[in-house]
Amino acid sequence: MLGRGRFREVVERQLDIFSADEAALLAEGKAADTAWTNAGREESEELFGDYRLVVDAVGERLYDIRESYAGTLDEETADDYREAFNRSALKRFKRYASFLEEGE
């Protein structure tokens, strides 16, 4: 193993591109989070459902990015890459990246 930083640059680039490409979706997630958090009792359940749909969409896109690249690597290297991707994605997109932990 070449150390923890082995995939740092590629993962950071992937997440930068994701942030730019999915800026509207990330903004939608932030707005949905604010909406359900500030909603009254009667509205909060429906608005939380809307928020979860956005969270799932973001998580699925992160998962797809991770798995697309991991598919180009041998199994052991892919596992190391997945760990690096998950670590960085969870730091950067904490509220949206739980799908990565569930989807492993």
PDB file of N, CA and C in Angstrom:
ATOM      1  N   MET A   1       0.839  -1.182   0.000  1.00  0.00           N
ATOM      2  CA  MET A   1       0.000   0.000   0.000  1.00  0.00           C
ATOM      3  C   MET A   1       0.882   1.242   0.000  1.00  0.00           C
ATOM      4  N   LEU A   2       0.492   2.228  -0.765  1.00  0.00           N
ATOM      5  CA  LEU A   2       1.306   3.423  -0.929  1.00  0.00           C
ATOM      6  C   LEU A   2       0.961   4.542   0.034  1.00  0.00           C
ATOM      7  N   GLY A   3       0.099   4.285   0.975  1.00  0.00           N
ATOM      8  CA  GLY A   3      -0.266   5.313   1.941  1.00  0.00           C
ATOM      9  C   GLY A   3      -1.665   5.843   1.713  1.00  0.00           C
ATOM     10  N   ARG A   4      -2.129   6.580   2.701  1.00  0.00           N
ATOM     11  CA  ARG A   4      -3.510   7.072   2.686  1.00  0.00           C
ATOM     12  C   ARG A   4      -3.776   8.057   1.557  1.00  0.00           C
ATOM     13  N   GLY A   5      -2.774   8.764   1.084  1.00  0.00           N
ATOM     14  CA  GLY A   5      -2.975   9.772   0.061  1.00  0.00           C
ATOM     15  C   GLY A   5      -2.963   9.240  -1.358  1.00  0.00           C
ATOM     16  N   ARG A   6      -2.914   7.957  -1.507  1.00  0.00           N
ATOM     17  CA  ARG A   6      -2.784   7.327  -2.818  1.00  0.00           C
ATOM     18  C   ARG A   6      -3.841   7.812  -3.805  1.00  0.00           C
ATOM     19  N   PHE A   7      -5.068   7.961  -3.367  1.00  0.00           N
ATOM     20  CA  PHE A   7      -6.163   8.363  -4.248  1.00  0.00           C
ATOM     21  C   PHE A   7      -6.666   9.777  -3.964  1.00  0.00           C
ATOM     22  N   ARG A   8      -5.957  10.483  -3.128  1.00  0.00           N
ATOM     23  CA  ARG A   8      -6.427  11.809  -2.702  1.00  0.00           C
ATOM     24  C   ARG A   8      -6.717  12.732  -3.885  1.00  0.00           C
ATOM     25  N   GLU A   9      -5.773  12.844  -4.794  1.00  0.00           N
ATOM     26  CA  GLU A   9      -5.927  13.788  -5.904  1.00  0.00           C
ATOM     27  C   GLU A   9      -7.096  13.411  -6.815  1.00  0.00           C
ATOM     28  N   VAL A  10      -7.192  12.160  -7.188  1.00  0.00           N
ATOM     29  CA  VAL A  10      -8.275  11.751  -8.089  1.00  0.00           C
ATOM     30  C   VAL A  10      -9.637  11.899  -7.412  1.00  0.00           C
ATOM     31  N   VAL A  11      -9.714  11.549  -6.144  1.00  0.00           N
ATOM     32  CA  VAL A  11     -10.987  11.670  -5.424  1.00  0.00           C
ATOM     33  C   VAL A  11     -11.376  13.141  -5.287  1.00  0.00           C
ATOM     34  N   GLU A  12     -10.438  13.992  -4.951  1.00  0.00           N
ATOM     35  CA  GLU A  12     -10.743  15.420  -4.821  1.00  0.00           C
ATOM     36  C   GLU A  12     -11.220  15.998  -6.150  1.00  0.00           C
ATOM     37  N   ARG A  13     -10.590  15.596  -7.245  1.00  0.00           N
ATOM     38  CA  ARG A  13     -11.040  16.059  -8.565  1.00  0.00           C
ATOM     39  C   ARG A  13     -12.446  15.553  -8.865  1.00  0.00           C
ATOM     40  N   GLN A  14     -12.692  14.293  -8.566  1.00  0.00           N
ATOM     41  CA  GLN A  14     -14.027  13.737  -8.804  1.00  0.00           C
ATOM     42  C   GLN A  14     -15.083  14.499  -8.002  1.00  0.00           C
ATOM     43  N   LEU A  15     -14.787  14.788  -6.755  1.00  0.00           N
ATOM     44  CA  LEU A  15     -15.751  15.492  -5.906  1.00  0.00           C
ATOM     45  C   LEU A  15     -15.910  16.957  -6.315  1.00  0.00           C
ATOM     46  N   ASP A  16     -14.833  17.576  -6.806  1.00  0.00           N
ATOM     47  CA  ASP A  16     -14.940  18.943  -7.328  1.00  0.00           C
ATOM     48  C   ASP A  16     -15.857  18.983  -8.550  1.00  0.00           C
ATOM     49  N   ILE A  17     -15.667  18.037  -9.451  1.00  0.00           N
ATOM     50  CA  ILE A  17     -16.509  17.960 -10.648  1.00  0.00           C
ATOM     51  C   ILE A  17     -17.951  17.681 -10.254  1.00  0.00           C
ATOM     52  N   PHE A  18     -18.136  16.768  -9.321  1.00  0.00           N
ATOM     53  CA  PHE A  18     -19.484  16.463  -8.839  1.00  0.00           C
ATOM     54  C   PHE A  18     -20.147  17.723  -8.277  1.00  0.00           C
ATOM     55  N   SER A  19     -19.423  18.470  -7.462  1.00  0.00           N
ATOM     56  CA  SER A  19     -19.967  19.703  -6.870  1.00  0.00           C
ATOM     57  C   SER A  19     -20.401  20.694  -7.937  1.00  0.00           C
ATOM     58  N   ALA A  20     -19.601  20.832  -8.971  1.00  0.00           N
ATOM     59  CA  ALA A  20     -19.938  21.763 -10.047  1.00  0.00           C
ATOM     60  C   ALA A  20     -21.115  21.251 -10.872  1.00  0.00           C
ATOM     61  N   ASP A  21     -21.049  19.985 -11.260  1.00  0.00           N
ATOM     62  CA  ASP A  21     -22.102  19.410 -12.107  1.00  0.00           C
ATOM     63  C   ASP A  21     -23.443  19.307 -11.392  1.00  0.00           C
ATOM     64  N   GLU A  22     -23.415  19.068 -10.106  1.00  0.00           N
ATOM     65  CA  GLU A  22     -24.643  18.839  -9.341  1.00  0.00           C
ATOM     66  C   GLU A  22     -24.965  19.989  -8.382  1.00  0.00           C
ATOM     67  N   ALA A  23     -24.482  21.184  -8.713  1.00  0.00           N
ATOM     68  CA  ALA A  23     -24.716  22.345  -7.840  1.00  0.00           C
ATOM     69  C   ALA A  23     -26.201  22.583  -7.601  1.00  0.00           C
ATOM     70  N   ALA A  24     -27.004  22.434  -8.633  1.00  0.00           N
ATOM     71  CA  ALA A  24     -28.448  22.662  -8.477  1.00  0.00           C
ATOM     72  C   ALA A  24     -29.068  21.626  -7.546  1.00  0.00           C
ATOM     73  N   LEU A  25     -28.659  20.381  -7.682  1.00  0.00           N
ATOM     74  CA  LEU A  25     -29.186  19.324  -6.814  1.00  0.00           C
ATOM     75  C   LEU A  25     -28.750  19.539  -5.364  1.00  0.00           C
ATOM     76  N   LEU A  26     -27.506  19.934  -5.163  1.00  0.00           N
ATOM     77  CA  LEU A  26     -27.024  20.205  -3.809  1.00  0.00           C
ATOM     78  C   LEU A  26     -27.767  21.396  -3.191  1.00  0.00           C
ATOM     79  N   ALA A  27     -28.039  22.411  -3.999  1.00  0.00           N
ATOM     80  CA  ALA A  27     -28.819  23.556  -3.509  1.00  0.00           C
ATOM     81  C   ALA A  27     -30.245  23.126  -3.181  1.00  0.00           C
ATOM     82  N   GLU A  28     -30.799  22.252  -4.005  1.00  0.00           N
ATOM     83  CA  GLU A  28     -32.143  21.724  -3.734  1.00  0.00           C
ATOM     84  C   GLU A  28     -32.159  20.962  -2.409  1.00  0.00           C
ATOM     85  N   GLY A  29     -31.104  20.207  -2.158  1.00  0.00           N
ATOM     86  CA  GLY A  29     -31.010  19.476  -0.897  1.00  0.00           C
ATOM     87  C   GLY A  29     -30.942  20.401   0.301  1.00  0.00           C
ATOM     88  N   LYS A  30     -30.172  21.458   0.173  1.00  0.00           N
ATOM     89  CA  LYS A  30     -30.068  22.422   1.272  1.00  0.00           C
ATOM     90  C   LYS A  30     -31.413  23.094   1.523  1.00  0.00           C
ATOM     91  N   ALA A  31     -32.102  23.469   0.442  1.00  0.00           N
ATOM     92  CA  ALA A  31     -33.416  24.107   0.577  1.00  0.00           C
ATOM     93  C   ALA A  31     -34.435  23.142   1.176  1.00  0.00           C
ATOM     94  N   ALA A  32     -34.392  21.884   0.747  1.00  0.00           N
ATOM     95  CA  ALA A  32     -35.325  20.882   1.278  1.00  0.00           C
ATOM     96  C   ALA A  32     -35.063  20.632   2.758  1.00  0.00           C
ATOM     97  N   ASP A  33     -33.794  20.622   3.153  1.00  0.00           N
ATOM     98  CA  ASP A  33     -33.447  20.438   4.562  1.00  0.00           C
ATOM     99  C   ASP A  33     -33.996  21.597   5.397  1.00  0.00           C
ATOM    100  N   THR A  34     -33.798  22.802   4.915  1.00  0.00           N
ATOM    101  CA  THR A  34     -34.313  23.976   5.620  1.00  0.00           C
ATOM    102  C   THR A  34     -35.834  23.941   5.706  1.00  0.00           C
ATOM    103  N   ALA A  35     -36.476  23.552   4.608  1.00  0.00           N
ATOM    104  CA  ALA A  35     -37.944  23.529   4.572  1.00  0.00           C
ATOM    105  C   ALA A  35     -38.516  22.560   5.593  1.00  0.00           C
ATOM    106  N   TRP A  36     -37.999  21.340   5.639  1.00  0.00           N
ATOM    107  CA  TRP A  36     -38.591  20.375   6.573  1.00  0.00           C
ATOM    108  C   TRP A  36     -38.204  20.685   8.008  1.00  0.00           C
ATOM    109  N   THR A  37     -37.009  21.228   8.203  1.00  0.00           N
ATOM    110  CA  THR A  37     -36.573  21.575   9.553  1.00  0.00           C
ATOM    111  C   THR A  37     -37.433  22.687  10.148  1.00  0.00           C
ATOM    112  N   ASN A  38     -37.842  23.630   9.316  1.00  0.00           N
ATOM    113  CA  ASN A  38     -38.619  24.778   9.788  1.00  0.00           C
ATOM    114  C   ASN A  38     -40.122  24.593   9.646  1.00  0.00           C
ATOM    115  N   ALA A  39     -40.550  23.445   9.164  1.00  0.00           N
ATOM    116  CA  ALA A  39     -41.976  23.211   8.913  1.00  0.00           C
ATOM    117  C   ALA A  39     -42.729  22.916  10.205  1.00  0.00           C
ATOM    118  N   GLY A  40     -44.010  23.186  10.146  1.00  0.00           N
ATOM    119  CA  GLY A  40     -44.881  22.820  11.254  1.00  0.00           C
ATOM    120  C   GLY A  40     -45.116  21.320  11.266  1.00  0.00           C
ATOM    121  N   ARG A  41     -45.720  20.848  12.303  1.00  0.00           N
ATOM    122  CA  ARG A  41     -45.946  19.421  12.507  1.00  0.00           C
ATOM    123  C   ARG A  41     -46.668  18.767  11.319  1.00  0.00           C
ATOM    124  N   GLU A  42     -47.674  19.432  10.801  1.00  0.00           N
ATOM    125  CA  GLU A  42     -48.490  18.851   9.735  1.00  0.00           C
ATOM    126  C   GLU A  42     -47.736  18.715   8.421  1.00  0.00           C
ATOM    127  N   GLU A  43     -46.817  19.622   8.161  1.00  0.00           N
ATOM    128  CA  GLU A  43     -46.080  19.610   6.901  1.00  0.00           C
ATOM    129  C   GLU A  43     -44.766  18.846   6.976  1.00  0.00           C
ATOM    130  N   SER A  44     -44.223  18.690   8.154  1.00  0.00           N
ATOM    131  CA  SER A  44     -42.853  18.198   8.278  1.00  0.00           C
ATOM    132  C   SER A  44     -42.660  16.794   7.716  1.00  0.00           C
ATOM    133  N   GLU A  45     -43.621  15.909   7.877  1.00  0.00           N
ATOM    134  CA  GLU A  45     -43.442  14.541   7.384  1.00  0.00           C
ATOM    135  C   GLU A  45     -43.309  14.513   5.863  1.00  0.00           C
ATOM    136  N   GLU A  46     -44.186  15.229   5.187  1.00  0.00           N
ATOM    137  CA  GLU A  46     -44.127  15.268   3.721  1.00  0.00           C
ATOM    138  C   GLU A  46     -42.842  15.940   3.243  1.00  0.00           C
ATOM    139  N   LEU A  47     -42.475  17.036   3.886  1.00  0.00           N
ATOM    140  CA  LEU A  47     -41.266  17.750   3.496  1.00  0.00           C
ATOM    141  C   LEU A  47     -40.011  16.938   3.799  1.00  0.00           C
ATOM    142  N   PHE A  48     -40.041  16.152   4.874  1.00  0.00           N
ATOM    143  CA  PHE A  48     -38.902  15.278   5.152  1.00  0.00           C
ATOM    144  C   PHE A  48     -38.776  14.227   4.052  1.00  0.00           C
ATOM    145  N   GLY A  49     -39.900  13.719   3.576  1.00  0.00           N
ATOM    146  CA  GLY A  49     -39.877  12.769   2.463  1.00  0.00           C
ATOM    147  C   GLY A  49     -39.251  13.382   1.219  1.00  0.00           C
ATOM    148  N   ASP A  50     -39.591  14.632   0.941  1.00  0.00           N
ATOM    149  CA  ASP A  50     -38.988  15.337  -0.195  1.00  0.00           C
ATOM    150  C   ASP A  50     -37.479  15.470  -0.001  1.00  0.00           C
ATOM    151  N   TYR A  51     -37.083  15.810   1.216  1.00  0.00           N
ATOM    152  CA  TYR A  51     -35.659  15.931   1.538  1.00  0.00           C
ATOM    153  C   TYR A  51     -34.941  14.600   1.330  1.00  0.00           C
ATOM    154  N   ARG A  52     -35.530  13.516   1.796  1.00  0.00           N
ATOM    155  CA  ARG A  52     -34.910  12.192   1.656  1.00  0.00           C
ATOM    156  C   ARG A  52     -34.741  11.803   0.189  1.00  0.00           C
ATOM    157  N   LEU A  53     -35.682  12.202  -0.659  1.00  0.00           N
ATOM    158  CA  LEU A  53     -35.549  11.922  -2.090  1.00  0.00           C
ATOM    159  C   LEU A  53     -34.308  12.598  -2.667  1.00  0.00           C
ATOM    160  N   VAL A  54     -34.062  13.829  -2.256  1.00  0.00           N
ATOM    161  CA  VAL A  54     -32.875  14.540  -2.730  1.00  0.00           C
ATOM    162  C   VAL A  54     -31.614  13.902  -2.152  1.00  0.00           C
ATOM    163  N   VAL A  55     -31.634  13.579  -0.875  1.00  0.00           N
ATOM    164  CA  VAL A  55     -30.484  12.924  -0.240  1.00  0.00           C
ATOM    165  C   VAL A  55     -30.156  11.624  -0.969  1.00  0.00           C
ATOM    166  N   ASP A  56     -31.172  10.847  -1.271  1.00  0.00           N
ATOM    167  CA  ASP A  56     -30.953   9.584  -1.981  1.00  0.00           C
ATOM    168  C   ASP A  56     -30.387   9.818  -3.379  1.00  0.00           C
ATOM    169  N   ALA A  57     -30.881  10.844  -4.075  1.00  0.00           N
ATOM    170  CA  ALA A  57     -30.384  11.147  -5.419  1.00  0.00           C
ATOM    171  C   ALA A  57     -28.906  11.535  -5.382  1.00  0.00           C
ATOM    172  N   VAL A  58     -28.538  12.371  -4.429  1.00  0.00           N
ATOM    173  CA  VAL A  58     -27.132  12.768  -4.288  1.00  0.00           C
ATOM    174  C   VAL A  58     -26.286  11.545  -3.943  1.00  0.00           C
ATOM    175  N   GLY A  59     -26.741  10.761  -2.986  1.00  0.00           N
ATOM    176  CA  GLY A  59     -26.000   9.567  -2.581  1.00  0.00           C
ATOM    177  C   GLY A  59     -25.820   8.581  -3.718  1.00  0.00           C
ATOM    178  N   GLU A  60     -26.854   8.395  -4.519  1.00  0.00           N
ATOM    179  CA  GLU A  60     -26.758   7.476  -5.658  1.00  0.00           C
ATOM    180  C   GLU A  60     -25.750   7.975  -6.681  1.00  0.00           C
ATOM    181  N   ARG A  61     -25.716   9.269  -6.900  1.00  0.00           N
ATOM    182  CA  ARG A  61     -24.750   9.824  -7.856  1.00  0.00           C
ATOM    183  C   ARG A  61     -23.321   9.663  -7.343  1.00  0.00           C
ATOM    184  N   LEU A  62     -23.121   9.905  -6.060  1.00  0.00           N
ATOM    185  CA  LEU A  62     -21.792   9.677  -5.484  1.00  0.00           C
ATOM    186  C   LEU A  62     -21.401   8.205  -5.603  1.00  0.00           C
ATOM    187  N   TYR A  63     -22.334   7.331  -5.313  1.00  0.00           N
ATOM    188  CA  TYR A  63     -22.096   5.888  -5.414  1.00  0.00           C
ATOM    189  C   TYR A  63     -21.722   5.512  -6.851  1.00  0.00           C
ATOM    190  N   ASP A  64     -22.443   6.061  -7.821  1.00  0.00           N
ATOM    191  CA  ASP A  64     -22.156   5.761  -9.225  1.00  0.00           C
ATOM    192  C   ASP A  64     -20.761   6.217  -9.626  1.00  0.00           C
ATOM    193  N   ILE A  65     -20.367   7.400  -9.176  1.00  0.00           N
ATOM    194  CA  ILE A  65     -19.017   7.892  -9.468  1.00  0.00           C
ATOM    195  C   ILE A  65     -17.986   6.937  -8.885  1.00  0.00           C
ATOM    196  N   ARG A  66     -18.181   6.593  -7.624  1.00  0.00           N
ATOM    197  CA  ARG A  66     -17.243   5.701  -6.940  1.00  0.00           C
ATOM    198  C   ARG A  66     -17.134   4.364  -7.653  1.00  0.00           C
ATOM    199  N   GLU A  67     -18.263   3.767  -7.957  1.00  0.00           N
ATOM    200  CA  GLU A  67     -18.247   2.429  -8.548  1.00  0.00           C
ATOM    201  C   GLU A  67     -17.771   2.427  -9.996  1.00  0.00           C
ATOM    202  N   SER A  68     -18.017   3.506 -10.726  1.00  0.00           N
ATOM    203  CA  SER A  68     -17.525   3.591 -12.106  1.00  0.00           C
ATOM    204  C   SER A  68     -16.003   3.554 -12.128  1.00  0.00           C
ATOM    205  N   TYR A  69     -15.390   4.324 -11.248  1.00  0.00           N
ATOM    206  CA  TYR A  69     -13.931   4.333 -11.202  1.00  0.00           C
ATOM    207  C   TYR A  69     -13.394   3.043 -10.591  1.00  0.00           C
ATOM    208  N   ALA A  70     -14.014   2.573  -9.539  1.00  0.00           N
ATOM    209  CA  ALA A  70     -13.553   1.339  -8.889  1.00  0.00           C
ATOM    210  C   ALA A  70     -13.586   0.166  -9.861  1.00  0.00           C
ATOM    211  N   GLY A  71     -14.527   0.184 -10.793  1.00  0.00           N
ATOM    212  CA  GLY A  71     -14.642  -0.887 -11.774  1.00  0.00           C
ATOM    213  C   GLY A  71     -13.466  -0.974 -12.729  1.00  0.00           C
ATOM    214  N   THR A  72     -12.639   0.059 -12.775  1.00  0.00           N
ATOM    215  CA  THR A  72     -11.467   0.046 -13.651  1.00  0.00           C
ATOM    216  C   THR A  72     -10.223  -0.490 -12.937  1.00  0.00           C
ATOM    217  N   LEU A  73     -10.360  -0.810 -11.660  1.00  0.00           N
ATOM    218  CA  LEU A  73      -9.224  -1.225 -10.832  1.00  0.00           C
ATOM    219  C   LEU A  73      -9.325  -2.693 -10.457  1.00  0.00           C
ATOM    220  N   ASP A  74      -8.181  -3.279 -10.096  1.00  0.00           N
ATOM    221  CA  ASP A  74      -8.240  -4.640  -9.565  1.00  0.00           C
ATOM    222  C   ASP A  74      -8.927  -4.596  -8.199  1.00  0.00           C
ATOM    223  N   GLU A  75      -9.343  -5.753  -7.721  1.00  0.00           N
ATOM    224  CA  GLU A  75     -10.195  -5.819  -6.525  1.00  0.00           C
ATOM    225  C   GLU A  75      -9.569  -5.167  -5.291  1.00  0.00           C
ATOM    226  N   GLU A  76      -8.331  -5.485  -5.017  1.00  0.00           N
ATOM    227  CA  GLU A  76      -7.683  -4.932  -3.819  1.00  0.00           C
ATOM    228  C   GLU A  76      -7.515  -3.415  -3.924  1.00  0.00           C
ATOM    229  N   THR A  77      -7.090  -2.959  -5.088  1.00  0.00           N
ATOM    230  CA  THR A  77      -6.919  -1.529  -5.302  1.00  0.00           C
ATOM    231  C   THR A  77      -8.266  -0.812  -5.244  1.00  0.00           C
ATOM    232  N   ALA A  78      -9.290  -1.447  -5.801  1.00  0.00           N
ATOM    233  CA  ALA A  78     -10.639  -0.867  -5.774  1.00  0.00           C
ATOM    234  C   ALA A  78     -11.130  -0.692  -4.344  1.00  0.00           C
ATOM    235  N   ASP A  79     -10.839  -1.657  -3.490  1.00  0.00           N
ATOM    236  CA  ASP A  79     -11.242  -1.537  -2.084  1.00  0.00           C
ATOM    237  C   ASP A  79     -10.556  -0.346  -1.414  1.00  0.00           C
ATOM    238  N   ASP A  80      -9.267  -0.165  -1.704  1.00  0.00           N
ATOM    239  CA  ASP A  80      -8.536   0.982  -1.152  1.00  0.00           C
ATOM    240  C   ASP A  80      -9.122   2.295  -1.668  1.00  0.00           C
ATOM    241  N   TYR A  81      -9.429   2.318  -2.962  1.00  0.00           N
ATOM    242  CA  TYR A  81     -10.028   3.516  -3.557  1.00  0.00           C
ATOM    243  C   TYR A  81     -11.379   3.819  -2.917  1.00  0.00           C
ATOM    244  N   ARG A  82     -12.211   2.797  -2.751  1.00  0.00           N
ATOM    245  CA  ARG A  82     -13.533   3.007  -2.143  1.00  0.00           C
ATOM    246  C   ARG A  82     -13.403   3.615  -0.748  1.00  0.00           C
ATOM    247  N   GLU A  83     -12.450   3.119   0.026  1.00  0.00           N
ATOM    248  CA  GLU A  83     -12.227   3.671   1.367  1.00  0.00           C
ATOM    249  C   GLU A  83     -11.849   5.151   1.288  1.00  0.00           C
ATOM    250  N   ALA A  84     -10.948   5.479   0.368  1.00  0.00           N
ATOM    251  CA  ALA A  84     -10.519   6.873   0.214  1.00  0.00           C
ATOM    252  C   ALA A  84     -11.679   7.747  -0.260  1.00  0.00           C
ATOM    253  N   PHE A  85     -12.453   7.241  -1.206  1.00  0.00           N
ATOM    254  CA  PHE A  85     -13.596   8.006  -1.721  1.00  0.00           C
ATOM    255  C   PHE A  85     -14.620   8.224  -0.618  1.00  0.00           C
ATOM    256  N   ASN A  86     -14.956   7.170   0.093  1.00  0.00           N
ATOM    257  CA  ASN A  86     -15.943   7.285   1.171  1.00  0.00           C
ATOM    258  C   ASN A  86     -15.497   8.293   2.219  1.00  0.00           C
ATOM    259  N   ARG A  87     -14.251   8.209   2.612  1.00  0.00           N
ATOM    260  CA  ARG A  87     -13.721   9.108   3.640  1.00  0.00           C
ATOM    261  C   ARG A  87     -13.856  10.571   3.187  1.00  0.00           C
ATOM    262  N   SER A  88     -13.448  10.851   1.964  1.00  0.00           N
ATOM    263  CA  SER A  88     -13.520  12.228   1.458  1.00  0.00           C
ATOM    264  C   SER A  88     -14.951  12.682   1.222  1.00  0.00           C
ATOM    265  N   ALA A  89     -15.773  11.807   0.657  1.00  0.00           N
ATOM    266  CA  ALA A  89     -17.170  12.170   0.381  1.00  0.00           C
ATOM    267  C   ALA A  89     -17.934  12.410   1.680  1.00  0.00           C
ATOM    268  N   LEU A  90     -17.667  11.598   2.692  1.00  0.00           N
ATOM    269  CA  LEU A  90     -18.349  11.779   3.974  1.00  0.00           C
ATOM    270  C   LEU A  90     -17.940  13.088   4.644  1.00  0.00           C
ATOM    271  N   LYS A  91     -16.677  13.478   4.488  1.00  0.00           N
ATOM    272  CA  LYS A  91     -16.235  14.758   5.045  1.00  0.00           C
ATOM    273  C   LYS A  91     -16.898  15.921   4.314  1.00  0.00           C
ATOM    274  N   ARG A  92     -16.981  15.803   3.018  1.00  0.00           N
ATOM    275  CA  ARG A  92     -17.442  16.917   2.194  1.00  0.00           C
ATOM    276  C   ARG A  92     -18.961  17.005   2.071  1.00  0.00           C
ATOM    277  N   PHE A  93     -19.618  15.857   2.037  1.00  0.00           N
ATOM    278  CA  PHE A  93     -21.066  15.803   1.817  1.00  0.00           C
ATOM    279  C   PHE A  93     -21.736  14.956   2.883  1.00  0.00           C
ATOM    280  N   LYS A  94     -21.408  15.211   4.115  1.00  0.00           N
ATOM    281  CA  LYS A  94     -21.837  14.354   5.225  1.00  0.00           C
ATOM    282  C   LYS A  94     -23.322  14.009   5.192  1.00  0.00           C
ATOM    283  N   ARG A  95     -24.176  14.995   5.014  1.00  0.00           N
ATOM    284  CA  ARG A  95     -25.618  14.731   5.070  1.00  0.00           C
ATOM    285  C   ARG A  95     -26.105  13.892   3.902  1.00  0.00           C
ATOM    286  N   TYR A  96     -25.347  13.842   2.811  1.00  0.00           N
ATOM    287  CA  TYR A  96     -25.787  13.124   1.620  1.00  0.00           C
ATOM    288  C   TYR A  96     -25.077  11.795   1.394  1.00  0.00           C
ATOM    289  N   ALA A  97     -23.993  11.564   2.069  1.00  0.00           N
ATOM    290  CA  ALA A  97     -23.135  10.430   1.739  1.00  0.00           C
ATOM    291  C   ALA A  97     -23.453   9.160   2.507  1.00  0.00           C
ATOM    292  N   SER A  98     -24.483   9.158   3.324  1.00  0.00           N
ATOM    293  CA  SER A  98     -24.812   7.940   4.070  1.00  0.00           C
ATOM    294  C   SER A  98     -25.122   6.786   3.130  1.00  0.00           C
ATOM    295  N   PHE A  99     -25.574   7.099   1.923  1.00  0.00           N
ATOM    296  CA  PHE A  99     -25.856   6.073   0.921  1.00  0.00           C
ATOM    297  C   PHE A  99     -24.602   5.259   0.618  1.00  0.00           C
ATOM    298  N   LEU A 100     -23.435   5.885   0.695  1.00  0.00           N
ATOM    299  CA  LEU A 100     -22.189   5.170   0.433  1.00  0.00           C
ATOM    300  C   LEU A 100     -21.956   4.089   1.474  1.00  0.00           C
ATOM    301  N   GLU A 101     -22.249   4.393   2.721  1.00  0.00           N
ATOM    302  CA  GLU A 101     -22.078   3.407   3.783  1.00  0.00           C
ATOM    303  C   GLU A 101     -23.082   2.277   3.638  1.00  0.00           C
ATOM    304  N   GLU A 102     -24.323   2.621   3.270  1.00  0.00           N
ATOM    305  CA  GLU A 102     -25.369   1.613   3.107  1.00  0.00           C
ATOM    306  C   GLU A 102     -25.142   0.775   1.865  1.00  0.00           C
ATOM    307  N   GLY A 103     -24.596   1.393   0.808  1.00  0.00           N
ATOM    308  CA  GLY A 103     -24.478   0.724  -0.477  1.00  0.00           C
ATOM    309  C   GLY A 103     -23.240  -0.115  -0.656  1.00  0.00           C
ATOM    310  N   GLU A 104     -22.424  -0.249   0.367  1.00  0.00           N
ATOM    311  CA  GLU A 104     -21.173  -0.986   0.234  1.00  0.00           C
ATOM    312  C   GLU A 104     -21.395  -2.406   0.031  1.00  0.00           C
TER     313      GLU A 104
END
